[in-house]
Protein backbone atom coordinates (compact mmCIF):
# COMPACT_ATOMS: atom_id res chain seq x y z
CA MET A 1 -93.99 164.87 -200.95
CA SER A 2 -92.18 163.54 -203.97
CA GLU A 3 -92.13 160.15 -205.64
CA THR A 4 -89.69 158.08 -203.58
CA ALA A 5 -88.85 154.42 -203.12
CA GLY A 6 -88.64 154.71 -199.33
CA TYR A 7 -91.37 153.58 -196.96
CA LEU A 8 -92.14 153.11 -193.26
CA THR A 9 -93.31 149.93 -191.53
CA THR A 10 -93.84 148.80 -187.96
CA HIS A 11 -94.39 145.56 -186.09
CA VAL A 12 -95.65 145.13 -182.51
CA LEU A 13 -94.86 142.06 -180.44
CA ASP A 14 -96.39 141.29 -177.06
CA ALA A 15 -93.36 140.09 -175.08
CA ALA A 16 -95.42 139.12 -172.02
CA ARG A 17 -97.66 136.75 -173.99
CA GLY A 18 -95.10 135.75 -176.62
CA CYS A 19 -97.25 136.68 -179.61
CA PRO A 20 -97.96 139.45 -182.11
CA ALA A 21 -99.95 142.38 -180.73
CA ALA A 22 -103.06 142.19 -182.92
CA GLY A 23 -105.60 145.00 -182.92
CA MET A 24 -103.36 147.81 -181.63
CA ARG A 25 -104.13 151.31 -182.89
CA ILE A 26 -101.13 153.35 -184.02
CA ASP A 27 -101.30 157.05 -184.93
CA LEU A 28 -98.75 158.67 -187.26
CA TYR A 29 -97.85 162.31 -186.63
CA ARG A 30 -95.73 164.72 -188.66
CA ILE A 31 -93.66 166.97 -186.39
CA GLU A 32 -92.76 170.48 -187.58
CA GLY A 33 -91.16 172.64 -184.91
CA GLU A 34 -93.54 172.59 -181.95
CA SER A 35 -96.46 171.53 -184.16
CA ARG A 36 -97.69 167.92 -184.18
CA SER A 37 -100.14 166.96 -186.96
CA LEU A 38 -101.96 163.63 -187.17
CA THR A 39 -101.64 162.22 -190.68
CA HIS A 40 -103.59 158.98 -190.16
CA SER A 41 -104.18 155.97 -187.92
CA VAL A 42 -103.65 152.27 -188.58
CA VAL A 43 -104.42 149.05 -186.68
CA THR A 44 -102.17 146.01 -186.42
CA ASN A 45 -103.32 142.76 -187.97
CA ALA A 46 -103.05 139.20 -186.59
CA ASP A 47 -99.29 139.26 -187.28
CA GLY A 48 -98.81 142.50 -185.29
CA ARG A 49 -98.09 144.38 -188.53
CA THR A 50 -100.15 146.81 -190.56
CA ASP A 51 -101.75 145.59 -193.77
CA ALA A 52 -99.90 148.25 -195.76
CA PRO A 53 -96.83 150.36 -194.98
CA VAL A 54 -97.53 153.16 -192.51
CA ILE A 55 -96.00 155.50 -195.09
CA GLY A 56 -96.08 153.93 -198.54
CA LYS A 57 -93.66 154.25 -201.43
CA GLY A 58 -94.06 157.58 -203.14
CA ARG A 59 -95.37 159.26 -199.95
CA MET A 60 -92.18 159.48 -197.86
CA ALA A 61 -91.08 162.91 -196.69
CA ALA A 62 -87.91 163.86 -194.84
CA GLY A 63 -88.30 165.23 -191.35
CA VAL A 64 -89.40 164.29 -187.87
CA TRP A 65 -92.22 161.82 -187.36
CA GLU A 66 -93.91 160.15 -184.41
CA LEU A 67 -95.66 156.83 -184.05
CA LEU A 68 -98.07 156.82 -181.10
CA PHE A 69 -98.83 153.27 -179.98
CA HIS A 70 -102.09 152.85 -178.02
CA ALA A 71 -100.55 150.23 -175.73
CA GLY A 72 -102.92 150.68 -172.78
CA ASP A 73 -106.01 149.96 -174.85
CA TYR A 74 -104.31 146.88 -176.31
CA LEU A 75 -103.16 145.64 -172.88
CA ASP A 76 -106.66 146.14 -171.45
CA ALA A 77 -108.26 144.24 -174.34
CA SER A 78 -105.74 141.38 -174.05
CA GLY A 79 -106.41 140.97 -170.32
CA ALA A 80 -102.84 141.84 -169.32
CA PRO A 81 -102.40 142.44 -165.59
CA GLY A 82 -101.84 145.97 -164.39
CA GLU A 83 -103.27 148.71 -162.26
CA SER A 84 -105.45 151.59 -163.36
CA PRO A 85 -104.19 153.85 -164.68
CA ARG A 86 -101.73 151.65 -166.51
CA PHE A 87 -98.01 152.29 -166.13
CA LEU A 88 -97.75 152.31 -169.94
CA ASP A 89 -100.68 153.78 -171.83
CA ARG A 90 -99.67 155.58 -175.00
CA ILE A 91 -96.11 155.11 -176.20
CA PRO A 92 -94.72 157.82 -178.49
CA ILE A 93 -91.68 157.00 -180.60
CA ARG A 94 -90.29 160.10 -182.31
CA PHE A 95 -87.75 159.54 -185.06
CA GLY A 96 -86.24 161.23 -188.08
CA ILE A 97 -86.40 160.29 -191.74
CA ALA A 98 -83.47 161.54 -193.78
CA ASP A 99 -83.07 159.02 -196.63
CA LEU A 100 -86.14 159.08 -198.87
CA GLU A 101 -85.03 155.93 -200.67
CA ALA A 102 -84.67 153.79 -197.53
CA HIS A 103 -86.99 151.39 -195.76
CA TYR A 104 -87.52 152.61 -192.19
CA HIS A 105 -88.84 149.94 -189.83
CA VAL A 106 -89.80 150.97 -186.27
CA PRO A 107 -90.83 147.90 -184.25
CA LEU A 108 -92.18 147.87 -180.70
CA LEU A 109 -91.58 145.06 -178.22
CA LEU A 110 -94.20 145.51 -175.49
CA ALA A 111 -94.88 144.24 -171.97
CA PRO A 112 -97.14 145.80 -169.31
CA TYR A 113 -94.19 147.50 -167.56
CA SER A 114 -91.60 147.93 -170.31
CA TYR A 115 -91.01 148.38 -174.00
CA SER A 116 -88.13 148.63 -176.44
CA THR A 117 -87.65 149.73 -180.00
CA TYR A 118 -84.89 150.04 -182.58
CA ARG A 119 -84.46 150.81 -186.26
CA GLY A 120 -85.14 147.50 -187.91
CA SER A 121 -84.84 146.33 -191.47
């Protein structure tokens, strides 16, 4: 990885409760071909964000990445209704990074039976 100005952030909102999803574990994977390598894990804070960028400035690398949101654990801890096993447990969002100078923001809007994402700013 080279020194770059780009970085990656995320934000998780609990749409069912109308609040940030605090305490959710998120794993970051680097994807190379059929190989999937865990780089590290983070946990959302009270604002549903991570305390630092998921990939900080100077650490960005082009390629395919995956954020794995541990939604089921969060929903269980928050007391959200749902059967066992949960309809949504772990939510993978696979995306590409091409511009090493850009800010990539991958938010998750979560409810027990649905989710959505987009490239934010």
